[in-house]
Amino acid sequence: MRYGVPSQKQIFLKGMAGEKPLVPVHYKKLEELAESKLSAEAYAYIAGGAGAGDTMRANREAFGRYRLQAQMMRSVSEVDIGVTILGKTYKTPLLAAPIGVLELAHREADAGVAKACSRLDIPMIFSNQASVDMETCASRMKDQPRWFQLYWSKSDELVHSFVKRAEKCGCEAIVVTLDTTSLGWRPMDLDLAYLPFLRAMGLAQYSSDPVFQSIVEQNLQDPSSEKPDSPAVNLTTLRNIIRLSHHYPGGFFKNLTSKRALTAVRTFIDIYMRPELRWNDLHRLREMTRLPIWIKGVHVPDDVEKALDSGVSGVIVSNHGGRQIDGGMAALDALDQIAERYKKKIPILFDSGIRTGADVIKALALGADGVLIGRPYVYGLSIAGAAGAEAVFRFLLAEIELQLSLMGIFRIRDLSRENIIRI
């Protein structure tokens, strides 16, 4: 499938009739329109970063330090943008990054993204904190590629259940996120005193899991599970509990009278994070699944060495889009270091800061085998649901194809460090 010239032609021809793209092509305008569609709480959760936002800015500034080199009189009319990852060929270099609580962006949430990805053969990495369970999303994708992202809970039994469900619904890999053993300090969320999980949002993988439900049942029967640090009871508290009981599966009155929804949220908060997770734990995960295991959140070369020793299949260079550590290293600079040292030893994907097709090309030239897209598709989703997310992916693919054509590169897999310089 071609994206570049056909996409341009379609946009310009529709412009003759006065029609402009429903989803803006320019990233700044995309974000601005999305912000106007989102609640203040939703925008803060999606757009916000850790601390003063230095890591987010560093991610973007890093792309400006790398320049593409293009030789003239080598332009090609058709470009192969397929990539090979762990021996499997994918039609594009893009993967949909796991993003939690997508119901904040649009009612279609994860199901809308699954629909968009299936139309374009883009692998979707199902989020551990999804708003739609993995089985439902998998049914929307049919045979299209999907992976599952795992936050390692305090309950190994729950981890095992998630992994086995991922296998059953056709996921091709498990992606363990390493950099979120606790939430980063995120001022935009803190100023609004808003965490969506406390409203029973982003808990679809949990509410649909038999192991999690059994833990909730145990806590319902255990008076000691009541927490002394509950919020003050006032009208706002009561409204939020009522909304939570509406939102959580199982029926409003049953949730409200049995405290099931409130107990489920408390249970999630108690077991969600595992700060004591260590490299040796990955060996136990290897025993739980036959699927390839990727680790996400690596940005130090020495950690790649530890990953190799732990038997993982691939690494995703990422700083969580600047949402976890403020003042951290730019993800692209980390990719430069890691790929130069480990490119031939282990598959490498890249995440954090991608906004344009040119960004994708730079990451691939530095040694990434594929690239995860995050905030851009969420903004598209917020504007027009599945169609909006699909439009964002199509625009990126069109730009990638056109840029490679202008650079005289016939196959995206031929990109190398010869095509890029650091200034």
Protein backbone atom coordinates (compact mmCIF):
# COMPACT_ATOMS: atom_id res chain seq x y z
CA MET A 1 0.00 0.00 0.00
CA ARG A 2 1.24 3.48 -0.85
CA TYR A 3 0.67 6.36 1.53
CA GLY A 4 2.70 9.40 0.44
CA VAL A 5 1.53 10.73 -2.91
CA PRO A 6 -2.02 9.29 -2.59
CA SER A 7 -2.48 11.00 0.78
CA GLN A 8 -1.26 14.34 -0.52
CA LYS A 9 -3.41 14.07 -3.63
CA GLN A 10 -6.54 13.21 -1.64
CA ILE A 11 -6.06 16.13 0.75
CA PHE A 12 -5.42 18.66 -2.00
CA LEU A 13 -8.31 17.44 -4.18
CA LYS A 14 -10.73 17.66 -1.27
CA GLY A 15 -9.37 21.13 -0.65
CA MET A 16 -10.72 22.15 -4.06
CA ALA A 17 -14.19 21.60 -2.59
CA GLY A 18 -13.32 23.53 0.54
CA GLU A 19 -12.74 20.48 2.73
CA LYS A 20 -9.81 20.38 5.12
CA PRO A 21 -8.53 17.34 7.02
CA LEU A 22 -10.72 16.46 10.01
CA VAL A 23 -7.55 15.72 11.98
CA PRO A 24 -4.79 18.34 11.62
CA VAL A 25 -1.60 17.20 9.91
CA HIS A 26 0.66 19.62 11.81
CA TYR A 27 1.44 18.27 15.27
CA LYS A 28 1.04 21.56 17.13
CA LYS A 29 -2.42 22.06 15.65
CA LEU A 30 -3.25 18.43 16.37
CA GLU A 31 -2.43 18.90 20.05
CA GLU A 32 -4.28 22.21 20.25
CA LEU A 33 -7.46 20.78 18.75
CA ALA A 34 -7.23 17.73 21.00
CA GLU A 35 -6.86 19.96 24.06
CA SER A 36 -10.04 21.78 23.11
CA LYS A 37 -11.89 18.44 22.93
CA LEU A 38 -10.57 17.02 26.20
CA SER A 39 -11.47 17.83 29.78
CA ALA A 40 -8.80 19.60 31.79
CA GLU A 41 -8.18 16.38 33.74
CA ALA A 42 -7.91 14.25 30.59
CA TYR A 43 -5.53 16.65 28.87
CA ALA A 44 -3.32 16.88 31.97
CA TYR A 45 -3.10 13.11 32.23
CA ILE A 46 -2.27 12.62 28.54
CA ALA A 47 -0.03 15.64 27.90
CA GLY A 48 1.65 16.03 31.27
CA GLY A 49 5.15 14.98 32.22
CA ALA A 50 7.26 14.62 35.31
CA GLY A 51 8.40 17.65 37.30
CA ALA A 52 9.20 20.75 35.27
CA GLY A 53 8.95 18.81 32.01
CA ASP A 54 12.70 18.91 31.31
CA THR A 55 12.82 15.32 30.07
CA MET A 56 9.90 15.93 27.70
CA ARG A 57 11.68 18.98 26.27
CA ALA A 58 14.95 17.06 26.04
CA ASN A 59 13.23 14.36 24.01
CA ARG A 60 12.15 16.89 21.41
CA GLU A 61 15.37 18.93 21.45
CA ALA A 62 17.39 15.79 20.76
CA PHE A 63 15.74 15.33 17.38
CA GLY A 64 17.02 18.77 16.39
CA ARG A 65 20.60 17.65 17.01
CA TYR A 66 20.41 14.91 14.39
CA ARG A 67 20.21 15.76 10.69
CA LEU A 68 19.34 13.53 7.78
CA GLN A 69 21.66 13.42 4.77
CA ALA A 70 20.13 12.98 1.35
CA GLN A 71 21.95 12.48 -1.94
CA MET A 72 20.21 13.92 -4.99
CA MET A 73 19.27 12.31 -8.31
CA ARG A 74 18.40 9.07 -6.52
CA SER A 75 14.68 9.58 -5.91
CA VAL A 76 12.48 6.49 -6.23
CA SER A 77 8.78 6.17 -7.06
CA GLU A 78 7.98 3.34 -4.68
CA VAL A 79 9.37 2.69 -1.22
CA ASP A 80 9.25 -0.47 0.87
CA ILE A 81 8.54 0.65 4.43
CA GLY A 82 8.32 -2.86 5.88
CA VAL A 83 10.59 -3.92 8.75
CA THR A 84 11.62 -7.24 10.25
CA ILE A 85 11.49 -7.70 14.01
CA LEU A 86 12.50 -11.01 15.60
CA GLY A 87 12.26 -12.69 12.22
CA LYS A 88 8.73 -11.47 11.47
CA THR A 89 8.02 -8.92 8.75
CA TYR A 90 5.69 -6.03 9.53
CA LYS A 91 4.28 -3.78 6.82
CA THR A 92 5.29 -0.54 8.55
CA PRO A 93 7.90 0.50 11.14
CA LEU A 94 5.23 1.77 13.53
CA LEU A 95 3.77 0.19 16.66
CA ALA A 96 1.00 1.71 18.78
CA ALA A 97 2.54 2.33 22.20
CA PRO A 98 0.60 1.11 25.24
CA ILE A 99 -1.36 4.05 26.61
CA GLY A 100 -3.54 3.67 29.69
CA VAL A 101 -7.00 5.07 30.39
CA LEU A 102 -7.86 5.81 26.77
CA GLU A 103 -11.49 6.37 27.79
CA LEU A 104 -10.26 9.81 28.87
CA ALA A 105 -9.68 10.57 25.19
CA HIS A 106 -12.74 8.99 23.57
CA ARG A 107 -15.54 6.55 24.38
CA GLU A 108 -14.14 4.07 21.80
CA ALA A 109 -10.90 3.99 23.81
CA ASP A 110 -8.65 0.97 23.16
CA ALA A 111 -11.22 -0.63 20.86
CA GLY A 112 -10.99 2.39 18.56
CA VAL A 113 -7.20 2.16 18.45
CA ALA A 114 -7.44 -1.58 17.75
CA LYS A 115 -9.72 -0.80 14.82
CA ALA A 116 -7.33 1.82 13.45
CA CYS A 117 -4.29 -0.44 13.82
CA SER A 118 -6.01 -3.39 12.16
CA ARG A 119 -6.77 -1.29 9.08
CA LEU A 120 -3.11 -0.43 8.66
CA ASP A 121 -1.42 -3.63 9.89
CA ILE A 122 0.19 -1.71 12.73
CA PRO A 123 0.90 -3.83 15.83
CA MET A 124 -0.98 -2.56 18.85
CA ILE A 125 0.58 -3.06 22.27
CA PHE A 126 -2.37 -3.58 24.61
CA SER A 127 -1.97 -1.54 27.77
CA ASN A 128 -1.95 -3.13 31.20
CA GLN A 129 -4.08 -0.12 32.22
CA ALA A 130 -6.55 -0.39 29.35
CA SER A 131 -10.10 0.88 29.33
CA VAL A 132 -11.16 -2.08 27.16
CA ASP A 133 -10.00 -5.60 27.99
CA MET A 134 -7.50 -7.38 25.76
CA GLU A 135 -9.97 -10.03 24.60
CA THR A 136 -12.35 -7.41 23.21
CA CYS A 137 -9.54 -5.55 21.47
CA ALA A 138 -8.16 -8.79 20.02
CA SER A 139 -11.58 -9.62 18.57
CA ARG A 140 -11.57 -6.27 16.75
CA MET A 141 -8.16 -7.00 15.23
CA LYS A 142 -8.81 -10.52 13.92
CA ASP A 143 -5.40 -11.77 12.69
CA GLN A 144 -3.65 -8.42 12.88
CA PRO A 145 -0.53 -8.24 15.11
CA ARG A 146 -0.81 -7.31 18.79
CA TRP A 147 1.42 -7.44 21.85
CA PHE A 148 0.68 -7.04 25.56
CA GLN A 149 2.32 -4.61 27.96
CA LEU A 150 2.78 -5.79 31.54
CA TYR A 151 3.15 -3.84 34.75
CA TRP A 152 4.49 -6.41 37.17
CA SER A 153 2.04 -6.52 40.05
CA LYS A 154 2.75 -7.54 43.64
CA SER A 155 0.70 -10.65 42.86
CA ASP A 156 2.65 -13.16 40.75
CA GLU A 157 -0.59 -15.09 40.34
CA LEU A 158 -2.17 -12.05 38.69
CA VAL A 159 0.90 -11.56 36.49
CA HIS A 160 0.65 -15.19 35.38
CA SER A 161 -3.06 -14.76 34.63
CA PHE A 162 -2.44 -11.65 32.50
CA VAL A 163 0.30 -13.41 30.55
CA LYS A 164 -1.82 -16.49 29.86
CA ARG A 165 -4.74 -14.33 28.72
CA ALA A 166 -2.37 -12.49 26.39
CA GLU A 167 -1.28 -15.80 24.89
CA LYS A 168 -4.87 -16.94 24.40
CA CYS A 169 -5.91 -13.78 22.61
CA GLY A 170 -3.08 -13.98 20.09
CA CYS A 171 -0.50 -11.56 21.45
CA GLU A 172 2.92 -12.04 19.86
CA ALA A 173 5.05 -10.66 22.71
CA ILE A 174 5.04 -9.49 26.31
CA VAL A 175 6.40 -6.00 26.97
CA VAL A 176 7.46 -5.46 30.58
CA THR A 177 7.56 -1.79 31.51
CA LEU A 178 10.43 -1.25 33.95
CA ASP A 179 10.27 2.48 34.65
CA THR A 180 6.94 2.72 36.47
CA THR A 181 7.44 0.93 39.75
CA SER A 182 5.89 4.10 41.19
CA LEU A 183 4.18 7.06 39.56
CA GLY A 184 6.40 9.96 38.61
CA TRP A 185 5.83 13.40 40.17
CA ARG A 186 3.37 14.90 37.68
CA PRO A 187 2.37 18.46 38.60
CA MET A 188 -0.42 18.78 36.02
CA ASP A 189 -2.27 15.84 37.60
CA LEU A 190 -1.39 16.87 41.13
CA ASP A 191 -2.67 20.43 40.70
CA LEU A 192 -6.03 18.97 39.68
CA ALA A 193 -5.82 16.30 42.43
CA TYR A 194 -6.92 13.80 39.80
CA LEU A 195 -5.93 10.18 39.29
CA PRO A 196 -8.29 8.30 36.92
CA PHE A 197 -7.68 4.89 38.53
CA LEU A 198 -9.44 6.12 41.67
CA ARG A 199 -12.53 6.60 39.49
CA ALA A 200 -12.29 2.94 38.34
CA MET A 201 -10.96 4.07 34.96
CA GLY A 202 -8.22 2.16 33.14
CA LEU A 203 -8.92 -1.04 35.07
CA ALA A 204 -10.44 -3.19 32.33
CA GLN A 205 -7.67 -5.81 32.40
CA TYR A 206 -8.23 -6.17 36.16
CA SER A 207 -12.02 -6.17 36.29
CA SER A 208 -12.07 -8.88 33.59
CA ASP A 209 -9.51 -11.07 35.35
CA PRO A 210 -10.59 -14.02 37.55
CA VAL A 211 -7.52 -13.82 39.77
CA PHE A 212 -8.05 -10.11 40.46
CA GLN A 213 -11.72 -10.73 41.18
CA SER A 214 -10.82 -13.43 43.68
CA ILE A 215 -8.48 -11.01 45.46
CA VAL A 216 -11.28 -8.42 45.58
CA GLU A 217 -13.65 -11.03 47.06
CA GLN A 218 -11.11 -11.85 49.76
CA ASN A 219 -10.75 -8.17 50.60
CA LEU A 220 -14.52 -7.73 50.76
CA GLN A 221 -14.62 -10.41 53.45
CA ASP A 222 -11.66 -8.97 55.34
CA PRO A 223 -12.46 -5.94 57.53
CA SER A 224 -8.74 -5.19 57.87
CA SER A 225 -8.68 -4.25 54.18
CA GLU A 226 -10.40 -0.96 55.07
CA LYS A 227 -7.88 1.86 54.81
CA PRO A 228 -7.50 4.49 57.55
CA ASP A 229 -6.39 7.13 55.02
CA SER A 230 -9.73 7.35 53.22
CA PRO A 231 -10.74 10.80 51.88
CA ALA A 232 -12.99 13.08 53.89
CA VAL A 233 -16.67 12.33 53.30
CA ASN A 234 -18.49 15.22 51.67
CA LEU A 235 -20.73 15.76 48.65
CA THR A 236 -17.80 15.53 46.23
CA THR A 237 -16.67 12.25 47.79
CA LEU A 238 -20.18 10.81 47.53
CA ARG A 239 -20.53 11.92 43.90
CA ASN A 240 -17.23 10.25 43.04
CA ILE A 241 -18.22 7.02 44.80
CA ILE A 242 -21.52 7.01 42.90
CA ARG A 243 -19.69 7.58 39.59
CA LEU A 244 -17.19 4.88 40.48
CA SER A 245 -20.01 2.42 41.21
CA HIS A 246 -21.63 3.27 37.88
CA HIS A 247 -18.36 2.87 36.04
CA TYR A 248 -17.11 -0.42 37.47
CA PRO A 249 -18.57 -3.60 35.90
CA GLY A 250 -21.16 -5.60 37.82
CA GLY A 251 -24.13 -3.27 38.21
CA PHE A 252 -24.51 0.04 40.04
CA PHE A 253 -26.57 -1.05 43.06
CA LYS A 254 -24.52 -4.20 43.66
CA ASN A 255 -21.30 -2.20 43.46
CA LEU A 256 -22.62 0.52 45.75
CA THR A 257 -24.22 -1.65 48.44
CA SER A 258 -21.43 -4.23 48.57
CA LYS A 259 -18.63 -1.68 48.22
CA ARG A 260 -17.32 -3.90 45.44
CA ALA A 261 -16.18 -1.07 43.15
CA LEU A 262 -14.50 0.83 45.98
CA THR A 263 -12.81 -2.35 47.21
CA ALA A 264 -11.64 -3.15 43.67
CA VAL A 265 -10.02 0.26 43.33
CA ARG A 266 -8.35 -0.09 46.73
CA THR A 267 -7.16 -3.56 45.77
CA PHE A 268 -5.68 -2.22 42.54
CA ILE A 269 -3.86 0.57 44.36
CA ASP A 270 -2.45 -1.94 46.85
CA ILE A 271 -1.06 -4.43 44.32
CA TYR A 272 -0.44 -2.35 41.17
CA MET A 273 3.21 -1.47 41.78
CA ARG A 274 6.20 -3.60 42.68
CA PRO A 275 9.19 -1.36 43.48
CA GLU A 276 11.27 -4.36 44.55
CA LEU A 277 11.26 -5.81 41.02
CA ARG A 278 14.76 -6.89 39.97
CA TRP A 279 16.47 -8.34 36.88
CA ASN A 280 16.33 -11.88 38.26
CA ASP A 281 12.53 -11.68 38.25
CA LEU A 282 12.59 -11.79 34.46
CA HIS A 283 13.74 -15.40 34.65
CA ARG A 284 10.49 -16.22 36.45
CA LEU A 285 8.50 -14.50 33.73
CA ARG A 286 10.38 -16.57 31.17
CA GLU A 287 8.99 -19.66 32.92
CA MET A 288 5.44 -18.30 32.70
CA THR A 289 5.27 -17.81 28.92
CA ARG A 290 6.48 -19.07 25.58
CA LEU A 291 6.18 -15.56 24.08
CA PRO A 292 9.15 -13.26 23.39
CA ILE A 293 9.78 -10.88 26.28
CA TRP A 294 10.65 -7.24 25.64
CA ILE A 295 11.63 -4.74 28.31
CA LYS A 296 10.52 -1.11 27.98
CA GLY A 297 12.16 1.82 29.72
CA VAL A 298 15.84 1.15 29.06
CA HIS A 299 18.09 4.16 28.45
CA VAL A 300 21.43 3.08 29.93
CA PRO A 301 23.71 0.76 27.91
CA ASP A 302 24.66 -1.29 30.97
CA ASP A 303 20.99 -2.19 31.45
CA VAL A 304 20.97 -3.76 27.99
CA GLU A 305 23.78 -6.03 29.12
CA LYS A 306 21.68 -7.05 32.13
CA ALA A 307 18.72 -7.62 29.81
CA LEU A 308 20.80 -9.98 27.68
CA ASP A 309 21.83 -11.88 30.79
CA SER A 310 18.16 -12.10 31.81
CA GLY A 311 17.19 -13.80 28.56
CA VAL A 312 14.91 -11.10 27.14
CA SER A 313 14.21 -11.05 23.40
CA GLY A 314 14.42 -7.30 22.79
CA VAL A 315 14.65 -3.86 24.40
CA ILE A 316 12.60 -0.71 23.96
CA VAL A 317 14.65 2.43 24.51
CA SER A 318 12.27 4.80 26.28
CA ASN A 319 11.93 7.28 29.12
CA HIS A 320 8.14 6.91 29.22
CA GLY A 321 7.67 10.07 27.20
CA GLY A 322 9.19 12.11 30.02
CA ARG A 323 6.42 11.11 32.43
CA GLN A 324 8.56 9.41 35.07
CA ILE A 325 11.95 11.05 35.71
CA ASP A 326 12.42 14.79 35.32
CA GLY A 327 15.79 16.07 34.15
CA GLY A 328 16.51 12.74 32.47
CA MET A 329 18.47 11.87 29.37
CA ALA A 330 16.78 12.36 25.98
CA ALA A 331 15.54 9.04 24.66
CA LEU A 332 17.09 9.61 21.22
CA ASP A 333 20.53 10.20 22.74
CA ALA A 334 20.11 6.97 24.69
CA LEU A 335 19.19 5.17 21.47
CA ASP A 336 22.33 6.51 19.81
CA GLN A 337 24.52 5.06 22.57
CA ILE A 338 22.68 1.76 22.92
CA ALA A 339 22.28 0.99 19.23
CA GLU A 340 25.92 1.73 18.47
CA ARG A 341 26.95 -0.82 21.08
CA TYR A 342 24.21 -3.46 20.85
CA LYS A 343 22.60 -3.19 17.40
CA LYS A 344 23.85 -6.61 16.27
CA LYS A 345 23.25 -8.31 19.62
CA ILE A 346 19.56 -7.69 20.34
CA PRO A 347 16.50 -6.18 18.57
CA ILE A 348 15.89 -2.56 19.56
CA LEU A 349 12.70 -0.52 19.41
CA PHE A 350 12.40 3.17 20.19
CA ASP A 351 9.81 5.19 22.10
CA SER A 352 9.46 8.76 23.43
CA GLY A 353 9.23 12.05 21.59
CA ILE A 354 8.23 10.90 18.08
CA ARG A 355 6.04 13.55 16.44
CA THR A 356 6.76 13.33 12.70
CA GLY A 357 7.75 10.92 9.97
CA ALA A 358 11.19 12.53 9.92
CA ASP A 359 11.55 11.64 13.61
CA VAL A 360 10.80 8.02 12.77
CA ILE A 361 13.44 8.01 10.04
CA LYS A 362 16.06 9.48 12.39
CA ALA A 363 15.38 6.80 15.01
CA LEU A 364 15.60 4.03 12.41
CA ALA A 365 18.81 5.48 10.96
CA LEU A 366 20.35 5.44 14.43
CA GLY A 367 19.60 1.74 14.73
CA ALA A 368 16.04 1.18 15.91
CA ASP A 369 14.22 -1.73 14.28
CA GLY A 370 10.84 -0.08 14.80
CA VAL A 371 9.25 2.89 16.56
CA LEU A 372 6.40 3.24 19.07
CA ILE A 373 3.90 6.08 18.58
CA GLY A 374 2.14 7.41 21.68
CA ARG A 375 0.63 10.83 22.32
CA PRO A 376 0.00 11.68 18.61
CA TYR A 377 -2.48 8.85 18.07
CA VAL A 378 -4.19 9.60 21.39
CA TYR A 379 -4.79 13.15 20.22
CA GLY A 380 -6.21 11.82 16.96
CA LEU A 381 -8.46 9.47 18.93
CA SER A 382 -9.75 12.36 21.03
CA ILE A 383 -10.74 14.29 17.90
CA ALA A 384 -12.45 11.59 15.84
CA GLY A 385 -12.26 8.21 17.56
CA ALA A 386 -10.87 5.31 15.54
CA ALA A 387 -10.88 7.40 12.36
CA GLY A 388 -8.81 10.07 14.09
CA ALA A 389 -6.21 7.62 15.34
CA GLU A 390 -6.03 6.05 11.89
CA ALA A 391 -5.56 9.48 10.27
CA VAL A 392 -2.56 10.22 12.52
CA PHE A 393 -0.94 6.89 11.63
CA ARG A 394 -1.62 7.46 7.90
CA PHE A 395 -0.08 10.93 7.98
CA LEU A 396 3.05 9.56 9.64
CA LEU A 397 3.33 6.75 7.08
CA ALA A 398 2.80 9.19 4.21
CA GLU A 399 5.57 11.46 5.45
CA ILE A 400 7.93 8.53 6.00
CA GLU A 401 7.33 7.25 2.49
CA LEU A 402 7.75 10.65 0.83
CA GLN A 403 10.89 11.50 2.79
CA LEU A 404 12.54 8.19 1.96
CA SER A 405 11.66 8.65 -1.70
CA LEU A 406 13.23 12.10 -1.72
CA MET A 407 16.30 10.69 0.02
CA GLY A 408 16.65 8.02 -2.66
CA ILE A 409 16.12 5.14 -0.25
CA PHE A 410 14.18 2.26 -1.75
CA ARG A 411 13.84 0.16 1.39
CA ILE A 412 13.43 1.51 4.89
CA ARG A 413 15.59 -1.30 6.23
CA ASP A 414 18.51 0.16 4.26
CA LEU A 415 18.63 3.21 6.55
CA SER A 416 21.89 3.42 8.47
CA ARG A 417 24.13 5.85 10.33
CA GLU A 418 25.45 7.00 6.95
CA ASN A 419 22.09 8.73 6.49
CA ILE A 420 22.33 10.82 9.65
CA ILE A 421 24.78 13.14 11.37
CA ARG A 422 24.84 14.74 14.79
CA ILE A 423 25.45 18.48 14.87
